[in-house]
Each structure stands twice: as structure tokens, then as C-alpha cells.
Amino acid sequence: MANQLGYHFTTIVIVGMGFFTDAYDLFSISLITKLLGRIYYSDALSKKPGTLPPHIVVAVIGVAFCRTLAGQLFFGWLGDKLGRKRVYGLTLMLMVIFSIASGLSFEKSPDGVMATLCFFRFWLGFHMLQSL
């Protein structure tokens, strides 16, 4: 009985962490887009702070919803085939790698930085909620 309680508690914590991380990611990106606009799209001659162009805002925010759907389908299927424990370890490793890569988005032009940010954000969140 105590072993089952520990198993259920661990499952609840893991699922809660995955859900919280993904929800935080979806919430925080809207605040971060304002900061990215001020950094990468500001005009030194203007007194107004820079803003991201609308098509880039849509790309940065929209990639999160596409990745969540694709990741749920793929890692749910993979978890059924290989086992949830093995797939969960794989997703943790991917999360660490793509979190670091997302923070180190690279390119010379602002559009290039946004493209690499979208790419790494897609792969960061692709597996985020697979444990549900």
C-alpha cells in the first residue's frame, strides 16, 4: 500500500512539473517577445522602444501550440512502444539540451535570431507534456 502511494505521489509530481513547465513557457513568451523587440528591433534614432513585427510574434508564439500537439502524438506513441520510463528519461535529456540551445540562439540578423529561437523552442517543448 505504501509503495503504491509513493508511486502515485511521484507520478503526480512528475506530471505537475511537466504541466507547470509548459504552462510557464506558454505564459512567459508573451512577456519575452516585448523584450526581444526592444533588443533586436529597436531604432537608435527613435525614442520609442522597438517591437517585434507581427509575423514574428505569431511565429514565436504559434510554434508552441504546434509543437505541443506534435509532441503529444509522437511521444505518446513512443511511450507506448518503448515504455514510459525510458521515454521520460529521453525527454529530460532533450529538455536540458534544447533549453540551453534556446538560450544561446545564434545568428547575425534579428530575423535569424528569431528563426533559431523558434526552432529551438519547437524542439524544447516538443516533448514537454509527454508524461501526461
N, C-alpha and C. Protein backbone atom coordinates (compact mmCIF):
# COMPACT_ATOMS: atom_id res chain seq x y z
N MET A 1 0.82 -1.19 0.00
CA MET A 1 0.00 0.00 0.00
C MET A 1 0.87 1.26 0.00
N ALA A 2 1.91 1.27 0.86
CA ALA A 2 2.78 2.44 0.94
C ALA A 2 3.57 2.61 -0.36
N ASN A 3 3.93 1.49 -0.99
CA ASN A 3 4.67 1.55 -2.25
C ASN A 3 3.81 2.16 -3.35
N GLN A 4 2.53 1.79 -3.38
CA GLN A 4 1.62 2.37 -4.38
C GLN A 4 1.42 3.86 -4.13
N LEU A 5 1.35 4.25 -2.88
CA LEU A 5 1.18 5.66 -2.54
C LEU A 5 2.39 6.46 -3.01
N GLY A 6 3.59 5.93 -2.81
CA GLY A 6 4.81 6.59 -3.27
C GLY A 6 4.84 6.69 -4.79
N TYR A 7 4.39 5.64 -5.46
CA TYR A 7 4.35 5.65 -6.93
C TYR A 7 3.39 6.72 -7.43
N HIS A 8 2.21 6.80 -6.83
CA HIS A 8 1.22 7.79 -7.25
C HIS A 8 1.70 9.20 -6.94
N PHE A 9 2.33 9.38 -5.80
CA PHE A 9 2.86 10.70 -5.45
C PHE A 9 3.93 11.12 -6.45
N THR A 10 4.83 10.22 -6.78
CA THR A 10 5.88 10.52 -7.76
C THR A 10 5.27 10.86 -9.11
N THR A 11 4.28 10.13 -9.53
CA THR A 11 3.61 10.40 -10.80
C THR A 11 2.96 11.77 -10.80
N ILE A 12 2.31 12.12 -9.73
CA ILE A 12 1.66 13.42 -9.62
C ILE A 12 2.69 14.55 -9.68
N VAL A 13 3.81 14.38 -9.01
CA VAL A 13 4.86 15.41 -9.02
C VAL A 13 5.44 15.57 -10.43
N ILE A 14 5.72 14.45 -11.09
CA ILE A 14 6.30 14.50 -12.44
C ILE A 14 5.34 15.15 -13.43
N VAL A 15 4.09 14.74 -13.39
CA VAL A 15 3.10 15.31 -14.30
C VAL A 15 2.88 16.79 -13.98
N GLY A 16 2.85 17.12 -12.71
CA GLY A 16 2.68 18.52 -12.32
C GLY A 16 3.83 19.39 -12.78
N MET A 17 5.05 18.86 -12.69
CA MET A 17 6.21 19.62 -13.16
C MET A 17 6.15 19.82 -14.67
N GLY A 18 5.77 18.80 -15.41
CA GLY A 18 5.66 18.93 -16.86
C GLY A 18 4.59 19.94 -17.25
N PHE A 19 3.45 19.85 -16.57
CA PHE A 19 2.36 20.77 -16.87
C PHE A 19 2.74 22.21 -16.51
N PHE A 20 3.36 22.40 -15.34
CA PHE A 20 3.77 23.73 -14.91
C PHE A 20 4.81 24.32 -15.86
N THR A 21 5.77 23.50 -16.26
CA THR A 21 6.83 23.99 -17.16
C THR A 21 6.25 24.43 -18.49
N ASP A 22 5.35 23.64 -19.04
CA ASP A 22 4.76 24.01 -20.32
C ASP A 22 3.86 25.23 -20.17
N ALA A 23 3.08 25.30 -19.11
CA ALA A 23 2.22 26.46 -18.89
C ALA A 23 3.06 27.72 -18.69
N TYR A 24 4.15 27.60 -17.96
CA TYR A 24 5.02 28.75 -17.75
C TYR A 24 5.65 29.20 -19.07
N ASP A 25 6.03 28.23 -19.89
CA ASP A 25 6.62 28.56 -21.19
C ASP A 25 5.61 29.30 -22.06
N LEU A 26 4.38 28.84 -22.09
CA LEU A 26 3.35 29.50 -22.89
C LEU A 26 3.01 30.89 -22.35
N PHE A 27 3.07 31.05 -21.04
CA PHE A 27 2.77 32.35 -20.43
C PHE A 27 3.91 33.33 -20.62
N SER A 28 5.12 32.89 -20.36
CA SER A 28 6.26 33.81 -20.32
C SER A 28 6.67 34.32 -21.69
N ILE A 29 6.38 33.58 -22.75
CA ILE A 29 6.86 34.00 -24.06
C ILE A 29 6.20 35.31 -24.51
N SER A 30 4.96 35.55 -24.08
CA SER A 30 4.33 36.82 -24.46
C SER A 30 5.04 38.00 -23.82
N LEU A 31 5.57 37.81 -22.62
CA LEU A 31 6.35 38.87 -21.98
C LEU A 31 7.73 39.00 -22.62
N ILE A 32 8.30 37.89 -22.99
CA ILE A 32 9.65 37.88 -23.57
C ILE A 32 9.65 38.51 -24.96
N THR A 33 8.55 38.38 -25.71
CA THR A 33 8.51 38.98 -27.05
C THR A 33 8.67 40.49 -27.00
N LYS A 34 8.16 41.11 -25.95
CA LYS A 34 8.34 42.56 -25.81
C LYS A 34 9.81 42.90 -25.60
N LEU A 35 10.47 42.10 -24.79
CA LEU A 35 11.89 42.31 -24.55
C LEU A 35 12.71 42.05 -25.81
N LEU A 36 12.38 41.01 -26.55
CA LEU A 36 13.10 40.70 -27.79
C LEU A 36 12.94 41.82 -28.81
N GLY A 37 11.75 42.41 -28.86
CA GLY A 37 11.54 43.53 -29.77
C GLY A 37 12.39 44.72 -29.41
N ARG A 38 12.54 44.98 -28.13
CA ARG A 38 13.37 46.11 -27.69
C ARG A 38 14.85 45.87 -27.96
N ILE A 39 15.26 44.62 -27.89
CA ILE A 39 16.67 44.30 -28.10
C ILE A 39 17.02 44.25 -29.59
N TYR A 40 16.23 43.51 -30.37
CA TYR A 40 16.61 43.22 -31.75
C TYR A 40 15.99 44.14 -32.79
N TYR A 41 14.91 44.83 -32.45
CA TYR A 41 14.21 45.65 -33.44
C TYR A 41 14.07 47.10 -33.00
N SER A 42 15.05 47.60 -32.29
CA SER A 42 14.98 49.00 -31.86
C SER A 42 15.72 49.88 -32.86
N ASP A 43 15.26 51.11 -32.94
CA ASP A 43 15.88 52.10 -33.81
C ASP A 43 16.57 53.12 -32.92
N ALA A 44 17.86 53.30 -33.13
CA ALA A 44 18.63 54.21 -32.27
C ALA A 44 18.15 55.66 -32.41
N LEU A 45 17.57 56.01 -33.54
CA LEU A 45 17.12 57.39 -33.75
C LEU A 45 15.73 57.65 -33.19
N SER A 46 14.99 56.61 -32.91
CA SER A 46 13.63 56.77 -32.40
C SER A 46 13.62 56.74 -30.88
N LYS A 47 12.69 57.49 -30.30
CA LYS A 47 12.56 57.47 -28.84
C LYS A 47 11.65 56.35 -28.37
N LYS A 48 10.92 55.75 -29.30
CA LYS A 48 10.03 54.65 -28.97
C LYS A 48 10.83 53.35 -28.86
N PRO A 49 10.44 52.46 -27.94
CA PRO A 49 11.12 51.17 -27.87
C PRO A 49 10.76 50.32 -29.09
N GLY A 50 11.66 49.46 -29.47
CA GLY A 50 11.40 48.59 -30.62
C GLY A 50 10.37 47.53 -30.31
N THR A 51 9.69 47.07 -31.33
CA THR A 51 8.71 46.00 -31.18
C THR A 51 8.95 44.95 -32.26
N LEU A 52 8.58 43.73 -31.94
CA LEU A 52 8.69 42.66 -32.92
C LEU A 52 7.65 42.86 -34.02
N PRO A 53 8.00 42.59 -35.25
CA PRO A 53 7.00 42.62 -36.32
C PRO A 53 5.91 41.57 -36.04
N PRO A 54 4.69 41.83 -36.45
CA PRO A 54 3.58 40.91 -36.14
C PRO A 54 3.81 39.48 -36.63
N HIS A 55 4.41 39.31 -37.80
CA HIS A 55 4.61 37.95 -38.30
C HIS A 55 5.61 37.18 -37.45
N ILE A 56 6.53 37.85 -36.81
CA ILE A 56 7.49 37.16 -35.93
C ILE A 56 6.83 36.83 -34.59
N VAL A 57 5.99 37.71 -34.10
CA VAL A 57 5.26 37.42 -32.86
C VAL A 57 4.40 36.18 -33.05
N VAL A 58 3.72 36.10 -34.18
CA VAL A 58 2.88 34.94 -34.48
C VAL A 58 3.72 33.67 -34.56
N ALA A 59 4.89 33.77 -35.18
CA ALA A 59 5.76 32.59 -35.30
C ALA A 59 6.28 32.14 -33.94
N VAL A 60 6.74 33.07 -33.13
CA VAL A 60 7.32 32.71 -31.83
C VAL A 60 6.26 32.12 -30.90
N ILE A 61 5.08 32.69 -30.90
CA ILE A 61 4.02 32.19 -30.03
C ILE A 61 3.35 30.95 -30.64
N GLY A 62 3.10 30.96 -31.94
CA GLY A 62 2.40 29.86 -32.59
C GLY A 62 3.17 28.56 -32.63
N VAL A 63 4.50 28.63 -32.63
CA VAL A 63 5.30 27.41 -32.67
C VAL A 63 5.04 26.57 -31.42
N ALA A 64 4.70 27.20 -30.31
CA ALA A 64 4.44 26.48 -29.08
C ALA A 64 3.23 25.57 -29.19
N PHE A 65 2.20 26.03 -29.86
CA PHE A 65 0.99 25.22 -29.96
C PHE A 65 1.17 24.07 -30.95
N CYS A 66 1.90 24.32 -32.01
CA CYS A 66 2.17 23.25 -32.98
C CYS A 66 3.02 22.16 -32.37
N ARG A 67 4.04 22.56 -31.64
CA ARG A 67 4.95 21.59 -31.05
C ARG A 67 4.26 20.74 -29.99
N THR A 68 3.35 21.33 -29.22
CA THR A 68 2.67 20.58 -28.18
C THR A 68 1.81 19.47 -28.77
N LEU A 69 1.08 19.78 -29.81
CA LEU A 69 0.26 18.77 -30.47
C LEU A 69 1.13 17.66 -31.06
N ALA A 70 2.15 18.03 -31.81
CA ALA A 70 3.01 17.04 -32.45
C ALA A 70 3.74 16.20 -31.41
N GLY A 71 4.23 16.84 -30.35
CA GLY A 71 4.95 16.11 -29.30
C GLY A 71 4.06 15.14 -28.55
N GLN A 72 2.83 15.55 -28.26
CA GLN A 72 1.91 14.65 -27.57
C GLN A 72 1.66 13.39 -28.39
N LEU A 73 1.42 13.57 -29.66
CA LEU A 73 1.15 12.42 -30.51
C LEU A 73 2.38 11.52 -30.64
N PHE A 74 3.55 12.11 -30.90
CA PHE A 74 4.75 11.31 -31.11
C PHE A 74 5.23 10.62 -29.84
N PHE A 75 5.39 11.36 -28.75
CA PHE A 75 5.93 10.76 -27.54
C PHE A 75 4.91 9.88 -26.83
N GLY A 76 3.63 10.12 -27.02
CA GLY A 76 2.62 9.19 -26.52
C GLY A 76 2.75 7.84 -27.21
N TRP A 77 2.89 7.88 -28.52
CA TRP A 77 3.08 6.65 -29.29
C TRP A 77 4.39 5.97 -28.90
N LEU A 78 5.48 6.76 -28.79
CA LEU A 78 6.78 6.20 -28.44
C LEU A 78 6.77 5.62 -27.03
N GLY A 79 6.07 6.28 -26.11
CA GLY A 79 5.95 5.76 -24.75
C GLY A 79 5.22 4.44 -24.70
N ASP A 80 4.21 4.28 -25.55
CA ASP A 80 3.50 3.00 -25.63
C ASP A 80 4.40 1.90 -26.19
N LYS A 81 5.26 2.25 -27.12
CA LYS A 81 6.14 1.25 -27.75
C LYS A 81 7.34 0.89 -26.89
N LEU A 82 8.01 1.88 -26.31
CA LEU A 82 9.27 1.64 -25.59
C LEU A 82 9.12 1.62 -24.07
N GLY A 83 8.02 2.11 -23.57
CA GLY A 83 7.84 2.21 -22.13
C GLY A 83 8.00 3.65 -21.67
N ARG A 84 7.14 4.05 -20.74
CA ARG A 84 7.11 5.44 -20.29
C ARG A 84 8.39 5.86 -19.58
N LYS A 85 8.97 4.95 -18.80
CA LYS A 85 10.17 5.31 -18.05
C LYS A 85 11.34 5.65 -18.97
N ARG A 86 11.56 4.85 -19.97
CA ARG A 86 12.65 5.08 -20.92
C ARG A 86 12.44 6.37 -21.70
N VAL A 87 11.22 6.58 -22.15
CA VAL A 87 10.90 7.78 -22.93
C VAL A 87 10.98 9.03 -22.05
N TYR A 88 10.62 8.91 -20.79
CA TYR A 88 10.72 10.05 -19.89
C TYR A 88 12.17 10.47 -19.70
N GLY A 89 13.07 9.51 -19.56
CA GLY A 89 14.50 9.83 -19.47
C GLY A 89 15.00 10.52 -20.72
N LEU A 90 14.55 10.06 -21.87
CA LEU A 90 14.93 10.69 -23.14
C LEU A 90 14.43 12.12 -23.21
N THR A 91 13.21 12.34 -22.78
CA THR A 91 12.65 13.70 -22.85
C THR A 91 13.36 14.64 -21.89
N LEU A 92 13.77 14.14 -20.73
CA LEU A 92 14.52 15.00 -19.81
C LEU A 92 15.85 15.43 -20.42
N MET A 93 16.51 14.49 -21.08
CA MET A 93 17.78 14.81 -21.73
C MET A 93 17.57 15.84 -22.84
N LEU A 94 16.54 15.65 -23.64
CA LEU A 94 16.24 16.60 -24.71
C LEU A 94 15.87 17.97 -24.15
N MET A 95 15.16 17.99 -23.04
CA MET A 95 14.76 19.26 -22.44
C MET A 95 15.98 20.06 -22.00
N VAL A 96 16.95 19.41 -21.41
CA VAL A 96 18.17 20.11 -20.97
C VAL A 96 18.93 20.64 -22.18
N ILE A 97 19.10 19.83 -23.20
CA ILE A 97 19.86 20.23 -24.39
C ILE A 97 19.20 21.42 -25.07
N PHE A 98 17.90 21.34 -25.31
CA PHE A 98 17.23 22.41 -26.04
C PHE A 98 16.94 23.64 -25.19
N SER A 99 16.93 23.50 -23.87
CA SER A 99 16.84 24.69 -23.01
C SER A 99 18.10 25.53 -23.15
N ILE A 100 19.23 24.87 -23.12
CA ILE A 100 20.50 25.59 -23.28
C ILE A 100 20.59 26.18 -24.68
N ALA A 101 20.23 25.40 -25.69
CA ALA A 101 20.29 25.89 -27.07
C ALA A 101 19.34 27.06 -27.29
N SER A 102 18.19 27.02 -26.66
CA SER A 102 17.22 28.10 -26.79
C SER A 102 17.77 29.40 -26.22
N GLY A 103 18.49 29.30 -25.13
CA GLY A 103 19.09 30.49 -24.54
C GLY A 103 20.27 31.02 -25.33
N LEU A 104 20.85 30.17 -26.16
CA LEU A 104 22.01 30.57 -26.95
C LEU A 104 21.67 30.69 -28.43
N SER A 105 20.47 31.14 -28.73
CA SER A 105 20.07 31.30 -30.13
C SER A 105 21.08 32.18 -30.85
N PHE A 106 21.45 31.79 -32.04
CA PHE A 106 22.55 32.45 -32.72
C PHE A 106 22.15 32.91 -34.11
N GLU A 107 22.81 33.88 -34.61
CA GLU A 107 22.71 34.40 -35.98
C GLU A 107 23.11 35.86 -35.93
N LYS A 108 23.40 36.43 -37.07
CA LYS A 108 23.82 37.83 -37.13
C LYS A 108 22.64 38.78 -37.25
N SER A 109 21.63 38.40 -38.00
CA SER A 109 20.48 39.30 -38.21
C SER A 109 19.39 39.01 -37.17
N PRO A 110 18.57 40.01 -36.85
CA PRO A 110 17.46 39.78 -35.91
C PRO A 110 16.50 38.69 -36.37
N ASP A 111 16.21 38.65 -37.67
CA ASP A 111 15.31 37.59 -38.17
C ASP A 111 15.94 36.21 -38.00
N GLY A 112 17.24 36.13 -38.15
CA GLY A 112 17.94 34.86 -37.95
C GLY A 112 17.89 34.40 -36.50
N VAL A 113 18.04 35.35 -35.58
CA VAL A 113 17.94 35.02 -34.15
C VAL A 113 16.55 34.50 -33.84
N MET A 114 15.53 35.15 -34.38
CA MET A 114 14.15 34.71 -34.14
C MET A 114 13.89 33.33 -34.75
N ALA A 115 14.48 33.08 -35.92
CA ALA A 115 14.30 31.77 -36.56
C ALA A 115 14.93 30.66 -35.72
N THR A 116 16.15 30.89 -35.21
CA THR A 116 16.77 29.85 -34.38
C THR A 116 16.04 29.72 -33.05
N LEU A 117 15.53 30.83 -32.53
CA LEU A 117 14.76 30.75 -31.29
C LEU A 117 13.50 29.92 -31.50
N CYS A 118 12.80 30.13 -32.60
CA CYS A 118 11.60 29.34 -32.91
C CYS A 118 11.96 27.87 -33.08
N PHE A 119 13.06 27.60 -33.76
CA PHE A 119 13.48 26.21 -33.99
C PHE A 119 13.75 25.51 -32.65
N PHE A 120 14.53 26.15 -31.78
CA PHE A 120 14.87 25.51 -30.51
C PHE A 120 13.68 25.47 -29.57
N ARG A 121 12.79 26.46 -29.62
CA ARG A 121 11.57 26.43 -28.80
C ARG A 121 10.66 25.29 -29.23
N PHE A 122 10.61 25.03 -30.53
CA PHE A 122 9.80 23.91 -31.00
C PHE A 122 10.32 22.61 -30.40
N TRP A 123 11.61 22.38 -30.50
CA TRP A 123 12.16 21.11 -30.01
C TRP A 123 12.20 21.05 -28.50
N LEU A 124 12.30 22.19 -27.84
CA LEU A 124 12.25 22.21 -26.37
C LEU A 124 10.90 21.74 -25.89
N GLY A 125 9.84 22.23 -26.46
CA GLY A 125 8.50 21.90 -26.00
C GLY A 125 7.89 20.70 -26.66
N PHE A 126 8.56 20.14 -27.64
CA PHE A 126 8.02 19.00 -28.39
C PHE A 126 7.70 17.84 -27.46
N HIS A 127 8.46 17.68 -26.42
CA HIS A 127 8.31 16.53 -25.53
C HIS A 127 7.85 16.92 -24.14
N MET A 128 7.53 18.19 -23.93
CA MET A 128 7.32 18.72 -22.59
C MET A 128 6.21 18.01 -21.82
N LEU A 129 5.08 17.79 -22.40
CA LEU A 129 3.94 17.22 -21.65
C LEU A 129 3.74 15.74 -21.95
N GLN A 130 4.73 15.05 -22.42
CA GLN A 130 4.55 13.65 -22.78
C GLN A 130 4.19 12.80 -21.56
N SER A 131 4.57 13.22 -20.37
CA SER A 131 4.33 12.40 -19.18
C SER A 131 2.86 12.40 -18.77
N LEU A 132 2.04 13.31 -19.34
CA LEU A 132 0.61 13.29 -19.00
C LEU A 132 0.01 12.09 -19.66
